[in-house]
Amino acid sequence: TMYKRILMAYDGSEAGQNALLECKDLMQWTGAALTLVAVMPHHIDFIGAEGGFYDPQITEREKENYKKILEQGLQVLSKAGFAANGEVLVGETISEITNYARKIEADLIVVGHKHLEGWAARWWRGSSSGTLIEHAHCSVLVAITS
């Protein structure tokens, strides 16, 4: 088969859902293993004029939300008869995705892209670590959704 391991970056958005369905089609003819990842930004919460401090409770609560988003994606797949596993990553979106893809030896990364300002715009514009395509060690499928 052409693709053995597919890494899907998932955010629970409509573009993400549609990319997931597109990924499902891919798996039907490849028999690939699928891993879903949601990337949670790592940030410091600034509270008051004294400056910022790191609040682990806020981070834990946020991570729970990302886990729920991931569960939702995994359910979409399992309803369609596909086994997939998922992981919440924390950090800068593009470097987290590309590093994790290398770690699991993915040969395809799938992302959803909507031709609108908003969620998907961050993949392609001015990311501090450059674009996903430049940093990926493997093929990237951009599922364009209207």
Foldseek 3Di string as FASTA:
>chain_A
DQWAEEEEEADLDPLRLVLLVVVLVVCVVVVHAYEYEYEAEDDWDFDDPVGTDRDVVVVVVVVVVRVVSVVVSQVVQVVVPHHYYYDYHYHQPLVRRQVVCVVVVGQEYEYGDEPDPDDRVQQAPDRVVHHNVVRHPHYYHYHYDD
